[in-house]
Amino acid sequence: MSDVRARTAPGHADRIQRMLCLGDSYTIGEGVAERERWPALLADWLGVRGIPTAAPRVIAKTGWTTTELAAAIEDAALAPPHDLVTLLIGVNDQYRDWPEDDFPARHAGLLETAIGLAGGRSRRCLAISIPDWGVTAFGARDRRGPDAIGAAIDRYNAMARANAERRGVRFVDITALSRSPELAGALAEDGLHPSAAQYRAWVEQAIGPAARSALAD
């Protein structure tokens, strides 16, 4: 895979944008090829729109909670500032039934870290909502049931949105897409994680436009 995804007009002088993506299985793209993960698709999406973007640095792992992501960021050899930093985290806090009241502080700490990694530019950060895994085949079998899972996801996302808005960070809602009839069944083989088609829809309909606006600031 090329390190730079860009097809720009002749003489385009913009420098290559550096992107850092922080998260869990939804960011690492459990069950899909590397080129089908949404960070890679986002870099392509930006490139064809005249914003040359390097292959994203991804710090994410299936199963990570906010606490595990924070520890991994601390251990990583990062070199800020990055031009765009994304954060999609919290589903494993919810899945493990951790106390919800503790989530805002942990999420806020990660947002502050993301802003620092963006060189203090909060508008260069995207806080992305948690998709609703309750609508998946895996979620249908969970003891809590789809309705309770969906309600919990809504609460977590409301807390994440509030954190983002207080800090001037763009909040990107992909939860509605994950619930849409067109995409709810677009899943990887595990029946839980999104397929490449769903990730592509996230980029084209939500994350891509938000990222382009962020990079224009």
N, C-alpha and C. Protein backbone atom coordinates (compact mmCIF):
# COMPACT_ATOMS: atom_id res chain seq x y z
N MET A 1 0.84 -1.19 0.00
CA MET A 1 0.00 0.00 0.00
C MET A 1 0.88 1.24 0.00
N SER A 2 0.51 2.19 -0.81
CA SER A 2 1.28 3.43 -0.87
C SER A 2 1.16 4.19 0.43
N ASP A 3 2.22 4.90 0.79
CA ASP A 3 2.18 5.71 2.01
C ASP A 3 1.40 6.99 1.83
N VAL A 4 1.15 7.39 0.61
CA VAL A 4 0.42 8.62 0.35
C VAL A 4 -0.72 8.32 -0.59
N ARG A 5 -1.92 8.72 -0.20
CA ARG A 5 -3.08 8.50 -1.03
C ARG A 5 -3.56 9.85 -1.53
N ALA A 6 -3.20 10.20 -2.76
CA ALA A 6 -3.61 11.50 -3.27
C ALA A 6 -3.61 11.48 -4.77
N ARG A 7 -4.70 12.01 -5.34
CA ARG A 7 -4.75 12.25 -6.76
C ARG A 7 -5.20 13.69 -6.91
N THR A 8 -4.27 14.58 -6.96
CA THR A 8 -4.57 16.01 -6.95
C THR A 8 -4.25 16.62 -8.29
N ALA A 9 -4.74 17.83 -8.48
CA ALA A 9 -4.51 18.52 -9.73
C ALA A 9 -3.03 18.84 -9.90
N PRO A 10 -2.53 18.93 -11.17
CA PRO A 10 -1.12 19.26 -11.40
C PRO A 10 -0.76 20.57 -10.69
N GLY A 11 0.39 20.54 -10.03
CA GLY A 11 0.86 21.75 -9.35
C GLY A 11 0.29 21.94 -7.98
N HIS A 12 -0.49 20.97 -7.49
CA HIS A 12 -1.05 21.08 -6.15
C HIS A 12 0.09 21.17 -5.15
N ALA A 13 0.07 22.23 -4.31
CA ALA A 13 1.22 22.51 -3.45
C ALA A 13 0.99 22.16 -1.98
N ASP A 14 -0.19 21.69 -1.63
CA ASP A 14 -0.46 21.39 -0.23
C ASP A 14 0.47 20.29 0.27
N ARG A 15 0.91 20.45 1.51
CA ARG A 15 1.77 19.42 2.07
C ARG A 15 0.93 18.21 2.48
N ILE A 16 1.59 17.10 2.67
CA ILE A 16 0.91 15.86 3.03
C ILE A 16 0.42 15.94 4.49
N GLN A 17 -0.84 15.63 4.68
CA GLN A 17 -1.45 15.69 6.01
C GLN A 17 -1.13 14.44 6.81
N ARG A 18 -0.89 14.63 8.10
CA ARG A 18 -0.60 13.51 9.01
C ARG A 18 -1.84 13.23 9.87
N MET A 19 -2.28 11.99 9.87
CA MET A 19 -3.49 11.60 10.58
C MET A 19 -3.18 10.53 11.62
N LEU A 20 -3.78 10.71 12.80
CA LEU A 20 -3.63 9.76 13.90
C LEU A 20 -5.02 9.30 14.31
N CYS A 21 -5.24 7.99 14.36
CA CYS A 21 -6.55 7.44 14.69
C CYS A 21 -6.45 6.59 15.95
N LEU A 22 -7.22 6.94 16.96
CA LEU A 22 -7.18 6.31 18.27
C LEU A 22 -8.48 5.57 18.53
N GLY A 23 -8.38 4.33 19.03
CA GLY A 23 -9.63 3.64 19.30
C GLY A 23 -9.50 2.19 19.69
N ASP A 24 -10.45 1.40 19.20
CA ASP A 24 -10.55 -0.01 19.54
C ASP A 24 -10.79 -0.82 18.27
N SER A 25 -11.62 -1.87 18.35
CA SER A 25 -11.81 -2.74 17.18
C SER A 25 -12.44 -2.02 16.01
N TYR A 26 -13.25 -1.00 16.26
CA TYR A 26 -13.89 -0.28 15.16
C TYR A 26 -12.87 0.52 14.36
N THR A 27 -11.80 0.93 14.99
CA THR A 27 -10.76 1.70 14.30
C THR A 27 -9.72 0.78 13.67
N ILE A 28 -9.38 -0.32 14.34
CA ILE A 28 -8.41 -1.25 13.76
C ILE A 28 -9.06 -2.09 12.66
N GLY A 29 -10.39 -2.11 12.62
CA GLY A 29 -11.09 -2.81 11.55
C GLY A 29 -11.09 -4.31 11.70
N GLU A 30 -11.52 -4.78 12.87
CA GLU A 30 -11.58 -6.22 13.10
C GLU A 30 -12.39 -6.91 12.00
N GLY A 31 -11.79 -7.90 11.37
CA GLY A 31 -12.51 -8.69 10.39
C GLY A 31 -12.44 -8.21 8.96
N VAL A 32 -11.76 -7.08 8.72
CA VAL A 32 -11.60 -6.60 7.34
C VAL A 32 -10.12 -6.39 7.04
N ALA A 33 -9.79 -6.30 5.77
CA ALA A 33 -8.41 -6.06 5.36
C ALA A 33 -7.99 -4.64 5.72
N GLU A 34 -6.69 -4.43 5.85
CA GLU A 34 -6.18 -3.11 6.26
C GLU A 34 -6.70 -2.00 5.35
N ARG A 35 -6.73 -2.25 4.06
CA ARG A 35 -7.15 -1.21 3.12
C ARG A 35 -8.65 -0.90 3.22
N GLU A 36 -9.41 -1.79 3.93
CA GLU A 36 -10.85 -1.61 4.05
C GLU A 36 -11.24 -0.97 5.38
N ARG A 37 -10.29 -0.72 6.25
CA ARG A 37 -10.58 -0.04 7.51
C ARG A 37 -10.94 1.42 7.20
N TRP A 38 -11.78 2.00 8.05
CA TRP A 38 -12.19 3.36 7.72
C TRP A 38 -11.04 4.37 7.77
N PRO A 39 -10.01 4.24 8.63
CA PRO A 39 -8.92 5.22 8.53
C PRO A 39 -8.23 5.20 7.16
N ALA A 40 -8.02 4.00 6.60
CA ALA A 40 -7.41 3.92 5.27
C ALA A 40 -8.35 4.47 4.21
N LEU A 41 -9.63 4.15 4.33
CA LEU A 41 -10.62 4.67 3.38
C LEU A 41 -10.71 6.20 3.48
N LEU A 42 -10.57 6.73 4.70
CA LEU A 42 -10.62 8.18 4.88
C LEU A 42 -9.43 8.86 4.21
N ALA A 43 -8.24 8.27 4.35
CA ALA A 43 -7.08 8.85 3.69
C ALA A 43 -7.28 8.88 2.18
N ASP A 44 -7.84 7.80 1.62
CA ASP A 44 -8.14 7.77 0.19
C ASP A 44 -9.16 8.84 -0.17
N TRP A 45 -10.21 8.93 0.62
CA TRP A 45 -11.31 9.88 0.38
C TRP A 45 -10.78 11.32 0.35
N LEU A 46 -9.91 11.64 1.30
CA LEU A 46 -9.33 12.98 1.33
C LEU A 46 -8.43 13.21 0.13
N GLY A 47 -7.63 12.19 -0.21
CA GLY A 47 -6.69 12.33 -1.31
C GLY A 47 -7.34 12.66 -2.62
N VAL A 48 -8.44 11.96 -2.93
CA VAL A 48 -9.09 12.21 -4.22
C VAL A 48 -9.81 13.55 -4.24
N ARG A 49 -9.92 14.19 -3.10
CA ARG A 49 -10.54 15.51 -3.02
C ARG A 49 -9.50 16.62 -2.85
N GLY A 50 -8.28 16.31 -3.19
CA GLY A 50 -7.24 17.33 -3.22
C GLY A 50 -6.55 17.59 -1.91
N ILE A 51 -6.68 16.65 -0.94
CA ILE A 51 -6.02 16.80 0.35
C ILE A 51 -5.09 15.62 0.52
N PRO A 52 -3.84 15.72 0.05
CA PRO A 52 -2.93 14.57 0.14
C PRO A 52 -2.68 14.17 1.59
N THR A 53 -2.89 12.90 1.87
CA THR A 53 -2.87 12.40 3.24
C THR A 53 -2.01 11.15 3.35
N ALA A 54 -1.10 11.16 4.29
CA ALA A 54 -0.24 9.99 4.52
C ALA A 54 -1.06 8.84 5.09
N ALA A 55 -0.54 7.63 4.95
CA ALA A 55 -1.18 6.48 5.59
C ALA A 55 -1.33 6.77 7.08
N PRO A 56 -2.53 6.59 7.63
CA PRO A 56 -2.76 6.99 9.01
C PRO A 56 -1.99 6.15 10.02
N ARG A 57 -1.56 6.79 11.08
CA ARG A 57 -1.01 6.07 12.23
C ARG A 57 -2.21 5.64 13.07
N VAL A 58 -2.31 4.36 13.35
CA VAL A 58 -3.45 3.84 14.09
C VAL A 58 -2.98 3.24 15.41
N ILE A 59 -3.57 3.72 16.49
CA ILE A 59 -3.33 3.13 17.82
C ILE A 59 -4.68 2.61 18.29
N ALA A 60 -4.89 1.33 18.10
CA ALA A 60 -6.17 0.72 18.41
C ALA A 60 -6.00 -0.79 18.49
N LYS A 61 -6.86 -1.42 19.26
CA LYS A 61 -6.81 -2.87 19.37
C LYS A 61 -8.18 -3.39 19.78
N THR A 62 -8.57 -4.52 19.23
CA THR A 62 -9.84 -5.11 19.58
C THR A 62 -9.91 -5.36 21.10
N GLY A 63 -11.00 -4.92 21.69
CA GLY A 63 -11.23 -5.14 23.11
C GLY A 63 -10.77 -4.02 24.02
N TRP A 64 -10.08 -3.03 23.48
CA TRP A 64 -9.57 -1.96 24.34
C TRP A 64 -10.69 -1.11 24.93
N THR A 65 -10.52 -0.78 26.20
CA THR A 65 -11.35 0.20 26.89
C THR A 65 -10.64 1.55 26.84
N THR A 66 -11.30 2.56 27.41
CA THR A 66 -10.66 3.87 27.52
C THR A 66 -9.35 3.78 28.29
N THR A 67 -9.32 2.99 29.34
CA THR A 67 -8.12 2.86 30.16
C THR A 67 -6.97 2.23 29.39
N GLU A 68 -7.27 1.19 28.63
CA GLU A 68 -6.22 0.51 27.86
C GLU A 68 -5.71 1.38 26.71
N LEU A 69 -6.60 2.13 26.10
CA LEU A 69 -6.16 3.05 25.05
C LEU A 69 -5.26 4.13 25.62
N ALA A 70 -5.61 4.68 26.76
CA ALA A 70 -4.79 5.72 27.39
C ALA A 70 -3.38 5.19 27.68
N ALA A 71 -3.29 3.96 28.17
CA ALA A 71 -1.98 3.38 28.46
C ALA A 71 -1.18 3.17 27.18
N ALA A 72 -1.84 2.74 26.11
CA ALA A 72 -1.14 2.51 24.85
C ALA A 72 -0.63 3.80 24.24
N ILE A 73 -1.41 4.86 24.36
CA ILE A 73 -0.95 6.16 23.84
C ILE A 73 0.29 6.61 24.61
N GLU A 74 0.26 6.43 25.91
CA GLU A 74 1.40 6.84 26.73
C GLU A 74 2.66 6.08 26.34
N ASP A 75 2.50 4.81 25.95
CA ASP A 75 3.65 3.97 25.60
C ASP A 75 4.12 4.19 24.16
N ALA A 76 3.27 4.78 23.33
CA ALA A 76 3.60 4.92 21.90
C ALA A 76 4.61 6.04 21.68
N ALA A 77 5.40 5.87 20.65
CA ALA A 77 6.37 6.92 20.27
C ALA A 77 5.69 7.83 19.26
N LEU A 78 4.99 8.83 19.76
CA LEU A 78 4.25 9.74 18.89
C LEU A 78 5.01 11.04 18.73
N ALA A 79 4.84 11.65 17.58
CA ALA A 79 5.56 12.89 17.28
C ALA A 79 4.56 13.95 16.82
N PRO A 80 3.90 14.62 17.77
CA PRO A 80 2.95 15.66 17.39
C PRO A 80 3.69 16.90 16.85
N PRO A 81 2.97 17.80 16.17
CA PRO A 81 1.52 17.76 15.99
C PRO A 81 1.09 16.96 14.77
N HIS A 82 -0.09 16.35 14.89
CA HIS A 82 -0.73 15.70 13.77
C HIS A 82 -1.79 16.65 13.20
N ASP A 83 -2.04 16.55 11.92
CA ASP A 83 -3.00 17.45 11.29
C ASP A 83 -4.44 17.08 11.60
N LEU A 84 -4.68 15.81 11.86
CA LEU A 84 -6.02 15.34 12.19
C LEU A 84 -5.89 14.19 13.18
N VAL A 85 -6.66 14.25 14.27
CA VAL A 85 -6.66 13.18 15.27
C VAL A 85 -8.11 12.75 15.49
N THR A 86 -8.35 11.45 15.38
CA THR A 86 -9.70 10.93 15.60
C THR A 86 -9.72 10.05 16.85
N LEU A 87 -10.86 10.04 17.52
CA LEU A 87 -11.04 9.23 18.73
C LEU A 87 -12.40 8.54 18.66
N LEU A 88 -12.37 7.21 18.66
CA LEU A 88 -13.60 6.41 18.69
C LEU A 88 -13.38 5.33 19.74
N ILE A 89 -13.97 5.52 20.92
CA ILE A 89 -13.68 4.64 22.05
C ILE A 89 -14.88 4.62 22.99
N GLY A 90 -15.02 3.54 23.73
CA GLY A 90 -16.03 3.47 24.77
C GLY A 90 -16.91 2.24 24.71
N VAL A 91 -16.95 1.56 23.56
CA VAL A 91 -17.86 0.43 23.45
C VAL A 91 -17.50 -0.69 24.43
N ASN A 92 -16.22 -0.88 24.70
CA ASN A 92 -15.83 -1.96 25.61
C ASN A 92 -16.06 -1.59 27.07
N ASP A 93 -16.02 -0.31 27.38
CA ASP A 93 -16.45 0.13 28.72
C ASP A 93 -17.91 -0.25 28.92
N GLN A 94 -18.72 0.01 27.88
CA GLN A 94 -20.15 -0.31 27.95
C GLN A 94 -20.37 -1.82 27.98
N TYR A 95 -19.67 -2.54 27.12
CA TYR A 95 -19.84 -3.99 27.03
C TYR A 95 -19.50 -4.68 28.35
N ARG A 96 -18.48 -4.18 29.03
CA ARG A 96 -18.05 -4.79 30.30
C ARG A 96 -18.90 -4.34 31.49
N ASP A 97 -19.89 -3.49 31.21
CA ASP A 97 -20.77 -2.98 32.27
C ASP A 97 -20.01 -2.20 33.33
N TRP A 98 -19.00 -1.45 32.91
CA TRP A 98 -18.32 -0.56 33.84
C TRP A 98 -19.29 0.53 34.28
N PRO A 99 -19.11 1.11 35.46
CA PRO A 99 -20.01 2.17 35.91
C PRO A 99 -20.04 3.34 34.92
N GLU A 100 -21.22 3.67 34.46
CA GLU A 100 -21.34 4.72 33.45
C GLU A 100 -20.87 6.07 33.95
N ASP A 101 -21.06 6.33 35.23
CA ASP A 101 -20.68 7.64 35.78
C ASP A 101 -19.19 7.91 35.65
N ASP A 102 -18.40 6.86 35.52
CA ASP A 102 -16.95 7.04 35.42
C ASP A 102 -16.49 7.33 33.99
N PHE A 103 -17.35 7.07 33.02
CA PHE A 103 -16.94 7.20 31.62
C PHE A 103 -16.59 8.64 31.21
N PRO A 104 -17.37 9.66 31.59
CA PRO A 104 -17.06 11.00 31.11
C PRO A 104 -15.64 11.45 31.43
N ALA A 105 -15.14 11.16 32.64
CA ALA A 105 -13.81 11.60 33.01
C ALA A 105 -12.73 10.89 32.19
N ARG A 106 -12.91 9.58 31.99
CA ARG A 106 -11.92 8.84 31.19
C ARG A 106 -11.93 9.31 29.74
N HIS A 107 -13.11 9.52 29.19
CA HIS A 107 -13.23 9.99 27.81
C HIS A 107 -12.67 11.40 27.67
N ALA A 108 -12.94 12.25 28.65
CA ALA A 108 -12.43 13.62 28.61
C ALA A 108 -10.91 13.63 28.63
N GLY A 109 -10.31 12.75 29.42
CA GLY A 109 -8.86 12.68 29.45
C GLY A 109 -8.28 12.31 28.10
N LEU A 110 -8.94 11.38 27.41
CA LEU A 110 -8.47 11.00 26.08
C LEU A 110 -8.67 12.13 25.08
N LEU A 111 -9.76 12.87 25.21
CA LEU A 111 -9.96 14.02 24.33
C LEU A 111 -8.87 15.07 24.53
N GLU A 112 -8.53 15.33 25.79
CA GLU A 112 -7.46 16.29 26.07
C GLU A 112 -6.15 15.81 25.47
N THR A 113 -5.89 14.51 25.55
CA THR A 113 -4.69 13.96 24.94
C THR A 113 -4.73 14.13 23.43
N ALA A 114 -5.88 13.86 22.83
CA ALA A 114 -6.02 14.01 21.38
C ALA A 114 -5.76 15.46 20.95
N ILE A 115 -6.28 16.39 21.70
CA ILE A 115 -6.07 17.80 21.37
C ILE A 115 -4.58 18.15 21.44
N GLY A 116 -3.92 17.64 22.46
CA GLY A 116 -2.48 17.87 22.56
C GLY A 116 -1.73 17.27 21.39
N LEU A 117 -2.14 16.08 20.95
CA LEU A 117 -1.48 15.43 19.82
C LEU A 117 -1.77 16.15 18.51
N ALA A 118 -2.80 16.96 18.50
CA ALA A 118 -3.10 17.80 17.34
C ALA A 118 -2.47 19.19 17.48
N GLY A 119 -1.54 19.31 18.38
CA GLY A 119 -0.87 20.59 18.56
C GLY A 119 -1.73 21.63 19.25
N GLY A 120 -2.67 21.18 20.07
CA GLY A 120 -3.53 22.11 20.79
C GLY A 120 -4.71 22.62 19.98
N ARG A 121 -4.89 22.08 18.78
CA ARG A 121 -5.96 22.56 17.89
C ARG A 121 -7.18 21.65 18.02
N SER A 122 -8.11 22.04 18.86
CA SER A 122 -9.28 21.19 19.10
C SER A 122 -10.10 20.96 17.84
N ARG A 123 -10.11 21.92 16.94
CA ARG A 123 -10.91 21.77 15.72
C ARG A 123 -10.28 20.79 14.74
N ARG A 124 -9.07 20.36 15.00
CA ARG A 124 -8.43 19.33 14.18
C ARG A 124 -8.67 17.93 14.76
N CYS A 125 -9.56 17.81 15.72
CA CYS A 125 -9.89 16.52 16.32
C CYS A 125 -11.33 16.15 15.99
N LEU A 126 -11.55 14.86 15.82
CA LEU A 126 -12.89 14.34 15.61
C LEU A 126 -13.19 13.32 16.71
N ALA A 127 -14.26 13.53 17.44
CA ALA A 127 -14.76 12.54 18.39
C ALA A 127 -15.89 11.80 17.69
N ILE A 128 -15.71 10.52 17.46
CA ILE A 128 -16.66 9.74 16.67
C ILE A 128 -17.53 8.90 17.59
N SER A 129 -18.82 8.87 17.31
CA SER A 129 -19.75 8.15 18.17
C SER A 129 -19.55 6.64 18.10
N ILE A 130 -20.04 5.96 19.12
CA ILE A 130 -19.97 4.50 19.18
C ILE A 130 -21.11 3.92 18.34
N PRO A 131 -20.84 3.01 17.43
CA PRO A 131 -21.93 2.37 16.69
C PRO A 131 -22.74 1.46 17.61
N ASP A 132 -23.95 1.15 17.18
CA ASP A 132 -24.85 0.32 18.00
C ASP A 132 -24.66 -1.15 17.65
N TRP A 133 -23.92 -1.86 18.49
CA TRP A 133 -23.71 -3.28 18.25
C TRP A 133 -24.93 -4.12 18.63
N GLY A 134 -25.91 -3.50 19.27
CA GLY A 134 -27.12 -4.21 19.62
C GLY A 134 -27.95 -4.64 18.42
N VAL A 135 -27.76 -3.97 17.27
CA VAL A 135 -28.53 -4.31 16.07
C VAL A 135 -27.88 -5.44 15.29
N THR A 136 -26.73 -5.92 15.73
CA THR A 136 -26.02 -6.98 15.01
C THR A 136 -26.51 -8.36 15.43
N ALA A 137 -26.10 -9.36 14.66
CA ALA A 137 -26.45 -10.74 15.02
C ALA A 137 -25.88 -11.10 16.39
N PHE A 138 -24.68 -10.63 16.68
CA PHE A 138 -24.05 -10.87 17.98
C PHE A 138 -24.87 -10.21 19.08
N GLY A 139 -25.29 -8.98 18.85
CA GLY A 139 -26.07 -8.26 19.85
C GLY A 139 -27.41 -8.90 20.13
N ALA A 140 -28.01 -9.50 19.10
CA ALA A 140 -29.30 -10.16 19.29
C ALA A 140 -29.21 -11.32 20.26
N ARG A 141 -28.02 -11.90 20.39
CA ARG A 141 -27.84 -13.04 21.29
C ARG A 141 -27.38 -12.63 22.69
N ASP A 142 -27.03 -11.36 22.86
CA ASP A 142 -26.52 -10.91 24.16
C ASP A 142 -27.65 -10.90 25.20
N ARG A 143 -27.30 -11.23 26.44
CA ARG A 143 -28.30 -11.35 27.51
C ARG A 143 -29.05 -10.05 27.76
N ARG A 144 -28.45 -8.90 27.44
CA ARG A 144 -29.09 -7.62 27.71
C ARG A 144 -30.16 -7.25 26.70
N GLY A 145 -30.04 -7.78 25.50
CA GLY A 145 -31.03 -7.51 24.47
C GLY A 145 -30.74 -6.24 23.70
N PRO A 146 -31.19 -6.17 22.44
CA PRO A 146 -30.89 -5.02 21.57
C PRO A 146 -31.36 -3.68 22.11
N ASP A 147 -32.55 -3.65 22.71
CA ASP A 147 -33.08 -2.37 23.18
C ASP A 147 -32.23 -1.79 24.31
N ALA A 148 -31.85 -2.62 25.27
CA ALA A 148 -31.03 -2.15 26.39
C ALA A 148 -29.65 -1.74 25.91
N ILE A 149 -29.09 -2.50 24.98
CA ILE A 149 -27.78 -2.14 24.43
C ILE A 149 -27.86 -0.80 23.73
N GLY A 150 -28.87 -0.63 22.89
CA GLY A 150 -29.02 0.63 22.16
C GLY A 150 -29.19 1.82 23.09
N ALA A 151 -29.95 1.64 24.16
CA ALA A 151 -30.15 2.73 25.12
C ALA A 151 -28.84 3.09 25.81
N ALA A 152 -28.05 2.06 26.16
CA ALA A 152 -26.75 2.33 26.79
C ALA A 152 -25.81 3.05 25.83
N ILE A 153 -25.79 2.62 24.57
CA ILE A 153 -24.96 3.29 23.57
C ILE A 153 -25.36 4.76 23.45
N ASP A 154 -26.65 5.04 23.48
CA ASP A 154 -27.11 6.43 23.40
C ASP A 154 -26.60 7.24 24.59
N ARG A 155 -26.61 6.65 25.76
CA ARG A 155 -26.12 7.38 26.94
C ARG A 155 -24.62 7.65 26.82
N TYR A 156 -23.87 6.66 26.41
CA TYR A 156 -22.42 6.86 26.25
C TYR A 156 -22.14 7.94 25.20
N ASN A 157 -22.87 7.90 24.12
CA ASN A 157 -22.64 8.89 23.07
C ASN A 157 -23.03 10.29 23.52
N ALA A 158 -24.07 10.41 24.33
CA ALA A 158 -24.45 11.72 24.85
C ALA A 158 -23.33 12.29 25.73
N MET A 159 -22.70 11.43 26.52
CA MET A 159 -21.59 11.88 27.36
C MET A 159 -20.39 12.28 26.50
N ALA A 160 -20.11 11.49 25.48
CA ALA A 160 -18.98 11.80 24.60
C ALA A 160 -19.24 13.10 23.84
N ARG A 161 -20.47 13.29 23.36
CA ARG A 161 -20.80 14.53 22.65
C ARG A 161 -20.62 15.75 23.55
N ALA A 162 -21.09 15.64 24.79
CA ALA A 162 -20.96 16.76 25.73
C ALA A 162 -19.49 17.09 25.96
N ASN A 163 -18.67 16.07 26.14
CA ASN A 163 -17.23 16.30 26.31
C ASN A 163 -16.65 17.02 25.10
N ALA A 164 -17.02 16.57 23.92
CA ALA A 164 -16.48 17.16 22.70
C ALA A 164 -16.92 18.61 22.56
N GLU A 165 -18.18 18.87 22.75
CA GLU A 165 -18.69 20.23 22.56
C GLU A 165 -18.08 21.21 23.54
N ARG A 166 -17.81 20.75 24.76
CA ARG A 166 -17.19 21.64 25.75
C ARG A 166 -15.77 22.03 25.34
N ARG A 167 -15.15 21.22 24.51
CA ARG A 167 -13.75 21.46 24.13
C ARG A 167 -13.60 21.94 22.69
N GLY A 168 -14.69 22.20 22.03
CA GLY A 168 -14.62 22.66 20.65
C GLY A 168 -14.19 21.59 19.67
N VAL A 169 -14.42 20.33 20.02
CA VAL A 169 -14.08 19.20 19.16
C VAL A 169 -15.31 18.79 18.35
N ARG A 170 -15.13 18.55 17.07
CA ARG A 170 -16.24 18.07 16.25
C ARG A 170 -16.68 16.68 16.69
N PHE A 171 -17.98 16.51 16.86
CA PHE A 171 -18.54 15.20 17.18
C PHE A 171 -19.18 14.65 15.92
N VAL A 172 -18.79 13.44 15.55
CA VAL A 172 -19.27 12.82 14.31
C VAL A 172 -20.16 11.64 14.66
N ASP A 173 -21.40 11.70 14.23
CA ASP A 173 -22.37 10.65 14.54
C ASP A 173 -22.39 9.60 13.44
N ILE A 174 -21.89 8.41 13.75
CA ILE A 174 -22.01 7.29 12.82
C ILE A 174 -22.98 6.23 13.38
N THR A 175 -23.54 6.51 14.54
CA THR A 175 -24.45 5.54 15.16
C THR A 175 -25.71 5.36 14.34
N ALA A 176 -26.24 6.46 13.83
CA ALA A 176 -27.45 6.37 13.01
C ALA A 176 -27.19 5.50 11.78
N LEU A 177 -26.02 5.63 11.20
CA LEU A 177 -25.69 4.79 10.05
C LEU A 177 -25.62 3.32 10.44
N SER A 178 -25.04 3.04 11.60
CA SER A 178 -24.93 1.64 12.03
C SER A 178 -26.29 1.01 12.26
N ARG A 179 -27.31 1.84 12.52
CA ARG A 179 -28.66 1.35 12.78
C ARG A 179 -29.54 1.33 11.53
N SER A 180 -29.08 1.93 10.47
CA SER A 180 -29.91 2.07 9.27
C SER A 180 -30.20 0.70 8.66
N PRO A 181 -31.39 0.52 8.09
CA PRO A 181 -31.72 -0.76 7.46
C PRO A 181 -30.74 -1.16 6.37
N GLU A 182 -30.16 -0.18 5.70
CA GLU A 182 -29.22 -0.48 4.62
C GLU A 182 -27.90 -1.03 5.12
N LEU A 183 -27.51 -0.68 6.37
CA LEU A 183 -26.17 -1.03 6.84
C LEU A 183 -26.14 -1.94 8.07
N ALA A 184 -27.26 -2.06 8.77
CA ALA A 184 -27.24 -2.84 10.01
C ALA A 184 -26.78 -4.28 9.78
N GLY A 185 -27.03 -4.81 8.59
CA GLY A 185 -26.60 -6.17 8.30
C GLY A 185 -25.29 -6.25 7.55
N ALA A 186 -24.65 -5.10 7.30
CA ALA A 186 -23.37 -5.09 6.59
C ALA A 186 -22.25 -5.33 7.58
N LEU A 187 -22.00 -6.60 7.85
CA LEU A 187 -21.10 -6.99 8.93
C LEU A 187 -19.99 -7.91 8.43
N ALA A 188 -18.91 -7.95 9.20
CA ALA A 188 -17.84 -8.91 8.94
C ALA A 188 -18.34 -10.31 9.30
N GLU A 189 -17.51 -11.30 9.07
CA GLU A 189 -17.92 -12.69 9.27
C GLU A 189 -18.30 -13.00 10.72
N ASP A 190 -17.79 -12.21 11.67
CA ASP A 190 -18.11 -12.49 13.07
C ASP A 190 -19.52 -12.07 13.47
N GLY A 191 -20.25 -11.40 12.57
CA GLY A 191 -21.60 -10.97 12.88
C GLY A 191 -21.69 -9.84 13.87
N LEU A 192 -20.57 -9.19 14.14
CA LEU A 192 -20.51 -8.11 15.12
C LEU A 192 -19.91 -6.84 14.53
N HIS A 193 -18.74 -6.96 13.94
CA HIS A 193 -18.03 -5.77 13.46
C HIS A 193 -18.48 -5.38 12.04
N PRO A 194 -18.35 -4.11 11.70
CA PRO A 194 -18.78 -3.66 10.38
C PRO A 194 -17.98 -4.30 9.25
N SER A 195 -18.63 -4.42 8.11
CA SER A 195 -17.96 -4.84 6.89
C SER A 195 -17.31 -3.64 6.23
N ALA A 196 -16.55 -3.89 5.19
CA ALA A 196 -15.93 -2.80 4.44
C ALA A 196 -16.99 -1.85 3.89
N ALA A 197 -18.14 -2.39 3.48
CA ALA A 197 -19.21 -1.55 2.93
C ALA A 197 -19.72 -0.57 3.97
N GLN A 198 -19.86 -1.02 5.22
CA GLN A 198 -20.33 -0.11 6.26
C GLN A 198 -19.26 0.94 6.58
N TYR A 199 -18.01 0.52 6.67
CA TYR A 199 -16.95 1.50 6.91
C TYR A 199 -16.92 2.56 5.80
N ARG A 200 -17.12 2.13 4.57
CA ARG A 200 -17.11 3.08 3.46
C ARG A 200 -18.24 4.10 3.60
N ALA A 201 -19.41 3.63 4.03
CA ALA A 201 -20.53 4.55 4.25
C ALA A 201 -20.22 5.53 5.37
N TRP A 202 -19.58 5.06 6.44
CA TRP A 202 -19.19 5.98 7.51
C TRP A 202 -18.34 7.12 6.96
N VAL A 203 -17.36 6.76 6.12
CA VAL A 203 -16.45 7.77 5.59
C VAL A 203 -17.18 8.72 4.64
N GLU A 204 -17.93 8.16 3.71
CA GLU A 204 -18.55 8.97 2.68
C GLU A 204 -19.65 9.87 3.23
N GLN A 205 -20.37 9.40 4.23
CA GLN A 205 -21.54 10.14 4.71
C GLN A 205 -21.31 10.92 5.99
N ALA A 206 -20.25 10.64 6.73
CA ALA A 206 -20.07 11.30 8.02
C ALA A 206 -18.63 11.70 8.31
N ILE A 207 -17.73 10.75 8.39
CA ILE A 207 -16.37 11.07 8.84
C ILE A 207 -15.63 11.89 7.80
N GLY A 208 -15.76 11.55 6.52
CA GLY A 208 -15.05 12.27 5.48
C GLY A 208 -15.39 13.75 5.44
N PRO A 209 -16.67 14.12 5.33
CA PRO A 209 -17.01 15.54 5.33
C PRO A 209 -16.53 16.27 6.59
N ALA A 210 -16.64 15.62 7.76
CA ALA A 210 -16.16 16.26 8.99
C ALA A 210 -14.66 16.46 8.97
N ALA A 211 -13.92 15.48 8.46
CA ALA A 211 -12.46 15.60 8.38
C ALA A 211 -12.06 16.71 7.42
N ARG A 212 -12.72 16.79 6.29
CA ARG A 212 -12.39 17.84 5.33
C ARG A 212 -12.62 19.22 5.95
N SER A 213 -13.73 19.39 6.68
CA SER A 213 -13.98 20.66 7.37
C SER A 213 -12.91 20.94 8.41
N ALA A 214 -12.52 19.91 9.16
CA ALA A 214 -11.51 20.09 10.20
C ALA A 214 -10.19 20.54 9.58
N LEU A 215 -9.80 19.95 8.48
CA LEU A 215 -8.52 20.29 7.85
C LEU A 215 -8.55 21.64 7.16
N ALA A 216 -9.73 22.20 6.98
CA ALA A 216 -9.85 23.53 6.41
C ALA A 216 -9.68 24.61 7.46
N ASP A 217 -9.75 24.25 8.72
CA ASP A 217 -9.60 25.24 9.81
C ASP A 217 -8.14 25.66 9.99
